[in-house]
Amino acid sequence: MSSNHPISRPLHDKSATATSSTLLQPRETGQTAPTSANDVATITQRPSPVAKSWAHFVAGAVGGATSTILTSPLDVLKTRLQSDFYQSQLANARNARGIPPLHTLSLPRSSAIHIRETFQILFAVPRVEGWRALFKGLGPNLVGVVPARSINFFTYGNGKRLISQNFNDGREASWVHLLAAANAGMVTGTATCPIWVIKTRLQLDKNTAGTVSLRRYRNAADCFAQTLRHEGIRGLYRGLGASYLGVTESTLQWVLYERMKMGLDRREERVQLSQKPRRWWDDIARPVGVPLSAGAAKLVAALATYPHEVVRTRLRQAPMENGLMKYTGIIQCFRLTFHQEGMAGLYGGLVPHMLRVVPSAIIMFGCYEAVLKLLGTSSGV
């Protein structure tokens, strides 16, 4: 009887050892350790941080390029209406018709005149300068937008993930979105400022259809060379301070957009927990609601911070007056524009700007979310 114990104990130990070795079996042998369903879900639902970060870069580039091409004519129109040169032309035309300055008129009347002038310029540009003028500056615009949106989405997406993981236990919050968006705006503005200077000057370059002699710059390379030769490196960074003011717009847009998305996510959770049959609007609420949220967020942010756009455009344009730079800084540009043109001057080009940026935001963020989904990730942390 006693001899049975030595036999049974090794058999038991062997079984335990076999079980243990099976659990620890390396993947190279073709056997894997048994895992729970929760573990499998965790593994399959979490892409590597590196892959996820580059997905933001690619998705931002696709969204930025698509929206820029589709809204280019409105961007040209907006830039011209923001500029000092075209505002003075419009003011002279109003004086010739006996219309007083816009800042002396009531808001409804000044708004109506602004809308009418906007569409007059939109139809006059292809008639006087040719249809290609509606896409003037598209090349440098794309050169600027694609890296700018890539950098912005890349920096924001990864910044949000790092901030939430290190300081908020991996949870999203409005302050996380705010810090990530402000950081992304500063990085993007600094990296792409020279491109926007070239783009703005090309769009404002006076040109009559078929007459090249009136143009100051032959192309983007010539504009870059002339700016560097006459103004130095600082000339390529004109309007950088106003670009940093623009960080407030992009930050506000990101925060509002994320809050709206979180609202859509909470709605989806309520629908699932209710265990009621899904209706057709439940299925389209998030796919449609996310890009519309981007448009709504852009609308609010742009209205709240628009004057910096006018100041930035005029600083980049760098007009001369009596042989000197007309605008020497952000505060001086704000004061002079307000003194000479009133609030109407600080909101010049608002109509085409809103007509461009709202659909542009819808297209861009819609493409961004769609590309992320195609790449097997999402914009969440």
Protein backbone atom coordinates (compact mmCIF):
# COMPACT_ATOMS: atom_id res chain seq x y z
CA MET A 1 0.00 0.00 0.00
CA SER A 2 2.78 2.35 0.90
CA SER A 3 4.35 1.80 -2.51
CA ASN A 4 1.31 3.35 -4.17
CA HIS A 5 1.98 6.77 -2.69
CA PRO A 6 5.30 7.37 -4.41
CA ILE A 7 3.64 6.42 -7.70
CA SER A 8 0.51 8.55 -7.29
CA ARG A 9 2.43 11.61 -6.16
CA PRO A 10 4.68 11.78 -9.23
CA LEU A 11 1.61 11.27 -11.46
CA HIS A 12 -0.14 14.17 -9.73
CA ASP A 13 2.97 16.34 -9.92
CA LYS A 14 3.44 15.45 -13.55
CA SER A 15 -0.10 16.46 -14.33
CA ALA A 16 0.32 19.73 -12.51
CA THR A 17 3.63 20.32 -14.21
CA ALA A 18 2.12 19.54 -17.58
CA THR A 19 -0.72 21.92 -16.93
CA SER A 20 1.71 24.59 -15.81
CA SER A 21 3.95 24.10 -18.82
CA THR A 22 0.92 24.29 -21.09
CA LEU A 23 -0.10 27.60 -19.55
CA LEU A 24 3.42 28.93 -20.01
CA GLN A 25 3.87 27.45 -23.49
CA PRO A 26 5.55 30.00 -25.75
CA ARG A 27 3.77 31.28 -28.87
CA GLU A 28 6.52 29.89 -31.13
CA THR A 29 5.34 26.31 -30.49
CA GLY A 30 1.95 27.11 -31.94
CA GLN A 31 0.14 26.82 -28.59
CA THR A 32 -1.14 29.81 -26.68
CA ALA A 33 -2.21 30.21 -23.11
CA PRO A 34 -5.95 30.07 -22.52
CA THR A 35 -7.31 33.53 -21.94
CA SER A 36 -10.65 34.89 -20.92
CA ALA A 37 -12.99 36.61 -23.36
CA ASN A 38 -12.36 39.92 -21.60
CA ASP A 39 -8.60 39.57 -22.10
CA VAL A 40 -9.10 38.85 -25.81
CA ALA A 41 -11.36 41.87 -26.19
CA THR A 42 -8.81 44.05 -24.43
CA ILE A 43 -6.01 42.84 -26.71
CA THR A 44 -7.98 43.24 -29.94
CA GLN A 45 -9.48 46.62 -29.11
CA ARG A 46 -6.26 48.39 -28.18
CA PRO A 47 -3.97 49.22 -31.11
CA SER A 48 -0.39 50.12 -30.38
CA PRO A 49 0.14 53.77 -29.41
CA VAL A 50 2.63 54.26 -32.24
CA ALA A 51 0.23 52.99 -34.90
CA LYS A 52 -2.55 55.07 -33.44
CA SER A 53 -0.45 58.25 -33.44
CA TRP A 54 0.41 57.93 -37.14
CA ALA A 55 -3.25 57.28 -37.93
CA HIS A 56 -4.01 60.80 -36.65
CA PHE A 57 -1.30 62.19 -38.94
CA VAL A 58 -2.66 60.49 -42.06
CA ALA A 59 -6.31 61.20 -41.25
CA GLY A 60 -5.56 64.89 -40.67
CA ALA A 61 -3.78 65.16 -44.03
CA VAL A 62 -6.68 63.56 -45.93
CA GLY A 63 -9.29 65.69 -44.21
CA GLY A 64 -7.34 68.90 -44.69
CA ALA A 65 -6.61 68.33 -48.38
CA THR A 66 -10.21 67.39 -49.22
CA SER A 67 -11.77 70.37 -47.48
CA THR A 68 -9.21 72.81 -48.91
CA ILE A 69 -9.79 71.84 -52.54
CA LEU A 70 -13.58 71.96 -52.24
CA THR A 71 -13.67 75.37 -50.53
CA SER A 72 -10.79 77.15 -52.31
CA PRO A 73 -12.89 79.84 -54.13
CA LEU A 74 -14.43 80.99 -50.85
CA ASP A 75 -10.99 81.13 -49.26
CA VAL A 76 -9.75 83.47 -52.00
CA LEU A 77 -12.84 85.65 -51.53
CA LYS A 78 -12.43 85.74 -47.76
CA THR A 79 -8.76 86.73 -47.99
CA ARG A 80 -9.51 89.61 -50.34
CA LEU A 81 -12.33 90.97 -48.22
CA GLN A 82 -10.08 90.86 -45.16
CA SER A 83 -7.28 92.79 -46.86
CA ASP A 84 -6.70 96.53 -46.56
CA PHE A 85 -6.37 96.93 -50.35
CA TYR A 86 -9.81 95.55 -51.21
CA GLN A 87 -11.50 97.26 -48.26
CA SER A 88 -10.25 100.64 -49.55
CA GLN A 89 -11.59 99.82 -53.03
CA LEU A 90 -14.99 98.93 -51.60
CA ALA A 91 -15.01 102.11 -49.52
CA ASN A 92 -14.30 104.23 -52.64
CA ALA A 93 -17.09 102.47 -54.52
CA ARG A 94 -19.52 103.21 -51.66
CA ASN A 95 -18.51 106.86 -51.60
CA ALA A 96 -19.12 107.10 -55.34
CA ARG A 97 -22.66 105.80 -54.80
CA GLY A 98 -23.25 108.12 -51.86
CA ILE A 99 -23.26 105.37 -49.22
CA PRO A 100 -21.82 106.50 -45.86
CA PRO A 101 -19.11 104.46 -44.07
CA LEU A 102 -20.35 101.11 -42.79
CA HIS A 103 -19.55 101.85 -39.14
CA THR A 104 -22.04 104.73 -39.21
CA LEU A 105 -24.90 102.52 -40.44
CA SER A 106 -27.20 100.24 -38.48
CA LEU A 107 -26.16 96.60 -38.11
CA PRO A 108 -28.89 95.21 -40.45
CA ARG A 109 -28.05 97.68 -43.24
CA SER A 110 -24.28 97.29 -42.95
CA SER A 111 -24.70 93.50 -42.93
CA ALA A 112 -26.88 93.63 -46.04
CA ILE A 113 -24.29 95.78 -47.86
CA HIS A 114 -21.49 93.43 -46.78
CA ILE A 115 -23.35 90.37 -48.09
CA ARG A 116 -24.11 92.10 -51.41
CA GLU A 117 -20.47 93.16 -51.87
CA THR A 118 -19.32 89.64 -51.04
CA PHE A 119 -21.27 88.08 -53.87
CA GLN A 120 -20.39 90.93 -56.25
CA ILE A 121 -16.69 90.17 -55.76
CA LEU A 122 -17.29 86.42 -56.04
CA PHE A 123 -18.87 86.85 -59.49
CA ALA A 124 -16.45 89.59 -60.58
CA VAL A 125 -13.27 87.61 -59.91
CA PRO A 126 -13.73 85.00 -62.68
CA ARG A 127 -15.09 87.65 -65.09
CA VAL A 128 -12.17 90.08 -64.65
CA GLU A 129 -9.28 87.72 -63.79
CA GLY A 130 -10.41 84.39 -65.20
CA TRP A 131 -11.82 81.34 -63.41
CA ARG A 132 -8.36 80.22 -62.32
CA ALA A 133 -8.20 83.24 -60.02
CA LEU A 134 -10.78 81.48 -57.81
CA PHE A 135 -8.09 78.87 -57.12
CA LYS A 136 -5.19 81.31 -56.82
CA GLY A 137 -2.91 80.24 -54.01
CA LEU A 138 -4.35 76.70 -53.94
CA GLY A 139 -0.90 75.17 -54.43
CA PRO A 140 0.74 76.85 -51.43
CA ASN A 141 -2.58 76.52 -49.62
CA LEU A 142 -2.42 72.74 -50.00
CA VAL A 143 1.27 72.81 -49.13
CA GLY A 144 0.28 74.63 -45.97
CA VAL A 145 -2.94 72.84 -45.10
CA VAL A 146 -1.76 69.25 -45.48
CA PRO A 147 1.21 69.54 -43.08
CA ALA A 148 -0.72 71.95 -40.84
CA ARG A 149 -3.66 69.60 -40.40
CA SER A 150 -1.37 66.60 -40.12
CA ILE A 151 0.64 68.30 -37.40
CA ASN A 152 -2.46 69.65 -35.66
CA PHE A 153 -4.38 66.37 -35.54
CA PHE A 154 -1.24 64.40 -34.75
CA THR A 155 -0.24 66.73 -31.90
CA TYR A 156 -3.77 67.02 -30.56
CA GLY A 157 -4.62 63.32 -30.71
CA ASN A 158 -1.41 62.22 -29.05
CA GLY A 159 -1.35 65.13 -26.63
CA LYS A 160 -4.85 64.26 -25.48
CA ARG A 161 -3.84 60.63 -24.98
CA LEU A 162 -0.67 61.47 -23.04
CA ILE A 163 -2.31 64.11 -20.84
CA SER A 164 -5.28 61.89 -20.01
CA GLN A 165 -3.13 58.84 -19.28
CA ASN A 166 -0.57 60.67 -17.13
CA PHE A 167 -2.76 63.18 -15.33
CA ASN A 168 -6.39 61.99 -15.48
CA ASP A 169 -6.30 58.17 -15.13
CA GLY A 170 -6.92 57.67 -18.84
CA ARG A 171 -10.19 59.61 -18.85
CA GLU A 172 -11.18 62.42 -21.16
CA ALA A 173 -12.23 65.80 -19.75
CA SER A 174 -12.69 69.34 -21.05
CA TRP A 175 -9.47 70.54 -19.43
CA VAL A 176 -7.59 67.71 -21.14
CA HIS A 177 -9.04 68.78 -24.50
CA LEU A 178 -8.19 72.42 -23.77
CA LEU A 179 -4.52 71.76 -22.96
CA ALA A 180 -4.08 69.39 -25.91
CA ALA A 181 -5.72 71.84 -28.34
CA ALA A 182 -3.70 74.85 -27.14
CA ASN A 183 -0.46 72.89 -27.47
CA ALA A 184 -1.41 71.66 -30.95
CA GLY A 185 -2.30 75.19 -32.07
CA MET A 186 1.03 76.66 -30.93
CA VAL A 187 3.07 73.91 -32.58
CA THR A 188 1.12 74.10 -35.83
CA GLY A 189 1.22 77.91 -36.04
CA THR A 190 4.98 78.06 -35.55
CA ALA A 191 5.75 75.29 -38.03
CA THR A 192 3.57 76.56 -40.89
CA CYS A 193 3.64 80.37 -40.60
CA PRO A 194 5.99 80.96 -43.60
CA ILE A 195 3.70 78.92 -45.85
CA TRP A 196 0.66 81.01 -44.89
CA VAL A 197 2.56 84.25 -45.50
CA ILE A 198 3.38 83.14 -49.07
CA LYS A 199 -0.18 81.91 -49.65
CA THR A 200 -1.73 85.17 -48.45
CA ARG A 201 0.54 87.36 -50.58
CA LEU A 202 -0.13 85.28 -53.69
CA GLN A 203 -3.88 85.55 -53.18
CA LEU A 204 -3.67 89.33 -52.75
CA ASP A 205 -1.34 89.80 -55.70
CA LYS A 206 -3.16 92.15 -58.07
CA ASN A 207 -3.74 90.55 -61.45
CA THR A 208 -5.92 91.36 -64.43
CA ALA A 209 -7.01 88.42 -66.58
CA GLY A 210 -4.47 87.84 -69.32
CA THR A 211 -2.09 90.54 -68.02
CA VAL A 212 0.91 89.13 -66.19
CA SER A 213 2.86 92.41 -66.05
CA LEU A 214 0.76 93.74 -63.17
CA ARG A 215 1.66 90.86 -60.93
CA ARG A 216 4.32 91.35 -58.27
CA TYR A 217 5.12 87.64 -57.81
CA ARG A 218 5.54 85.08 -60.59
CA ASN A 219 4.91 82.07 -58.34
CA ALA A 220 5.32 80.78 -54.79
CA ALA A 221 9.09 80.36 -55.14
CA ASP A 222 9.49 83.94 -56.39
CA CYS A 223 7.32 85.24 -53.54
CA PHE A 224 9.43 83.33 -51.03
CA ALA A 225 12.67 84.66 -52.53
CA GLN A 226 11.47 88.29 -52.65
CA THR A 227 10.16 88.17 -49.10
CA LEU A 228 13.42 86.69 -47.81
CA ARG A 229 15.53 89.17 -49.77
CA HIS A 230 13.63 92.32 -48.80
CA GLU A 231 12.38 91.46 -45.30
CA GLY A 232 14.62 88.67 -44.07
CA ILE A 233 13.51 85.70 -41.96
CA ARG A 234 11.19 87.94 -39.93
CA GLY A 235 9.19 88.63 -43.09
CA LEU A 236 8.29 84.95 -43.34
CA TYR A 237 6.89 85.07 -39.81
CA ARG A 238 4.70 88.15 -40.19
CA GLY A 239 1.39 87.57 -38.45
CA LEU A 240 2.80 84.86 -36.17
CA GLY A 241 1.59 86.69 -33.07
CA ALA A 242 -1.90 86.94 -34.57
CA SER A 243 -1.64 83.24 -35.42
CA TYR A 244 -1.07 82.56 -31.74
CA LEU A 245 -4.22 84.56 -31.04
CA GLY A 246 -5.91 82.15 -33.43
CA VAL A 247 -5.05 79.34 -31.03
CA THR A 248 -8.03 80.54 -29.00
CA GLU A 249 -10.31 79.72 -31.94
CA SER A 250 -8.94 76.24 -32.57
CA THR A 251 -8.90 75.49 -28.83
CA LEU A 252 -12.52 76.58 -28.40
CA GLN A 253 -13.49 74.56 -31.47
CA TRP A 254 -11.82 71.39 -30.17
CA VAL A 255 -13.37 71.71 -26.71
CA LEU A 256 -16.88 72.28 -28.10
CA TYR A 257 -16.45 69.47 -30.63
CA GLU A 258 -15.34 66.98 -27.98
CA ARG A 259 -18.20 67.96 -25.66
CA MET A 260 -20.72 67.40 -28.44
CA LYS A 261 -19.14 64.05 -29.27
CA MET A 262 -19.33 62.99 -25.63
CA GLY A 263 -23.01 63.93 -25.67
CA LEU A 264 -23.53 61.69 -28.70
CA ASP A 265 -21.70 58.85 -26.95
CA ARG A 266 -23.89 59.21 -23.87
CA ARG A 267 -26.97 59.11 -26.07
CA GLU A 268 -25.74 55.90 -27.68
CA GLU A 269 -25.18 54.35 -24.24
CA ARG A 270 -28.72 55.25 -23.19
CA VAL A 271 -30.12 53.68 -26.36
CA GLN A 272 -28.21 50.45 -25.72
CA LEU A 273 -29.18 50.29 -22.03
CA SER A 274 -32.84 50.89 -22.78
CA GLN A 275 -32.97 47.55 -24.68
CA LYS A 276 -35.63 49.01 -26.94
CA PRO A 277 -35.66 48.30 -30.69
CA ARG A 278 -33.31 50.66 -32.49
CA ARG A 279 -34.91 53.13 -34.86
CA TRP A 280 -33.35 54.46 -38.03
CA TRP A 281 -32.33 57.77 -36.45
CA ASP A 282 -30.52 55.87 -33.70
CA ASP A 283 -28.30 54.32 -36.36
CA ILE A 284 -27.41 57.60 -38.06
CA ALA A 285 -27.25 59.83 -34.96
CA ARG A 286 -23.51 59.47 -34.42
CA PRO A 287 -22.27 59.17 -38.05
CA VAL A 288 -24.21 62.31 -38.98
CA GLY A 289 -23.93 64.06 -35.63
CA VAL A 290 -20.13 63.98 -35.41
CA PRO A 291 -19.38 66.04 -38.57
CA LEU A 292 -22.31 68.36 -37.84
CA SER A 293 -20.86 68.87 -34.35
CA ALA A 294 -17.60 69.94 -35.99
CA GLY A 295 -19.47 72.49 -38.11
CA ALA A 296 -21.40 73.85 -35.13
CA ALA A 297 -18.24 74.10 -33.02
CA LYS A 298 -16.44 75.95 -35.83
CA LEU A 299 -19.37 78.36 -36.26
CA VAL A 300 -19.33 79.39 -32.60
CA ALA A 301 -15.52 79.57 -32.36
CA ALA A 302 -15.14 81.58 -35.57
CA LEU A 303 -17.80 84.14 -34.61
CA ALA A 304 -16.21 84.64 -31.20
CA THR A 305 -12.64 85.12 -32.42
CA TYR A 306 -12.95 86.41 -36.01
CA PRO A 307 -11.18 89.83 -35.71
CA HIS A 308 -7.81 88.09 -35.29
CA GLU A 309 -8.26 86.70 -38.82
CA VAL A 310 -8.43 90.22 -40.27
CA VAL A 311 -5.41 91.39 -38.26
CA ARG A 312 -3.39 88.32 -39.27
CA THR A 313 -4.21 88.81 -42.97
CA ARG A 314 -3.22 92.48 -42.91
CA LEU A 315 0.04 91.81 -41.08
CA ARG A 316 0.93 89.15 -43.63
CA GLN A 317 -0.04 91.42 -46.51
CA ALA A 318 2.38 94.08 -45.14
CA PRO A 319 0.94 97.14 -46.98
CA MET A 320 3.05 100.30 -47.30
CA GLU A 321 1.92 103.85 -46.48
CA ASN A 322 4.18 106.86 -47.18
CA GLY A 323 7.11 104.50 -47.63
CA LEU A 324 6.60 102.85 -44.23
CA MET A 325 4.87 99.72 -43.04
CA LYS A 326 1.24 100.62 -42.34
CA TYR A 327 0.87 97.97 -39.64
CA THR A 328 3.70 97.45 -37.17
CA GLY A 329 2.17 95.05 -34.66
CA ILE A 330 -0.94 93.28 -33.46
CA ILE A 331 -2.24 95.95 -31.08
CA GLN A 332 -1.45 98.79 -33.50
CA CYS A 333 -3.22 96.93 -36.32
CA PHE A 334 -6.30 96.35 -34.14
CA ARG A 335 -6.46 100.00 -33.10
CA LEU A 336 -5.85 101.47 -36.57
CA THR A 337 -8.39 99.18 -38.24
CA PHE A 338 -11.03 99.96 -35.63
CA HIS A 339 -10.29 103.70 -35.77
CA GLN A 340 -10.47 103.90 -39.58
CA GLU A 341 -13.18 101.33 -40.33
CA GLY A 342 -14.98 100.52 -37.08
CA MET A 343 -16.25 97.06 -36.17
CA ALA A 344 -17.18 96.48 -39.82
CA GLY A 345 -13.47 96.54 -40.67
CA LEU A 346 -12.62 93.97 -37.98
CA TYR A 347 -15.33 91.70 -39.37
CA GLY A 348 -14.52 92.24 -43.06
CA GLY A 349 -14.90 89.02 -45.05
CA LEU A 350 -16.99 87.36 -42.32
CA VAL A 351 -19.68 86.07 -44.70
CA PRO A 352 -17.37 84.18 -47.11
CA HIS A 353 -15.28 83.09 -44.13
CA MET A 354 -18.29 81.46 -42.47
CA LEU A 355 -19.49 80.04 -45.78
CA ARG A 356 -16.07 78.41 -46.13
CA VAL A 357 -15.01 77.32 -42.65
CA VAL A 358 -18.26 75.70 -41.52
CA PRO A 359 -18.59 73.27 -44.47
CA SER A 360 -14.80 72.90 -44.42
CA ALA A 361 -14.92 71.76 -40.78
CA ILE A 362 -17.74 69.31 -41.58
CA ILE A 363 -15.77 67.83 -44.48
CA MET A 364 -12.43 67.79 -42.67
CA PHE A 365 -13.58 66.23 -39.41
CA GLY A 366 -15.86 63.82 -41.25
CA CYS A 367 -12.90 62.61 -43.33
CA TYR A 368 -10.70 62.53 -40.22
CA GLU A 369 -13.06 60.27 -38.28
CA ALA A 370 -13.72 58.08 -41.34
CA VAL A 371 -10.00 57.56 -42.09
CA LEU A 372 -9.31 56.73 -38.43
CA LYS A 373 -12.06 54.10 -38.60
CA LEU A 374 -10.58 52.66 -41.81
CA LEU A 375 -7.19 52.46 -40.10
CA GLY A 376 -8.73 50.50 -37.23
CA THR A 377 -8.63 53.15 -34.52
CA SER A 378 -10.65 56.08 -33.21
CA SER A 379 -10.19 59.63 -31.93
CA GLY A 380 -10.75 58.59 -28.31
CA VAL A 381 -8.00 57.96 -25.78
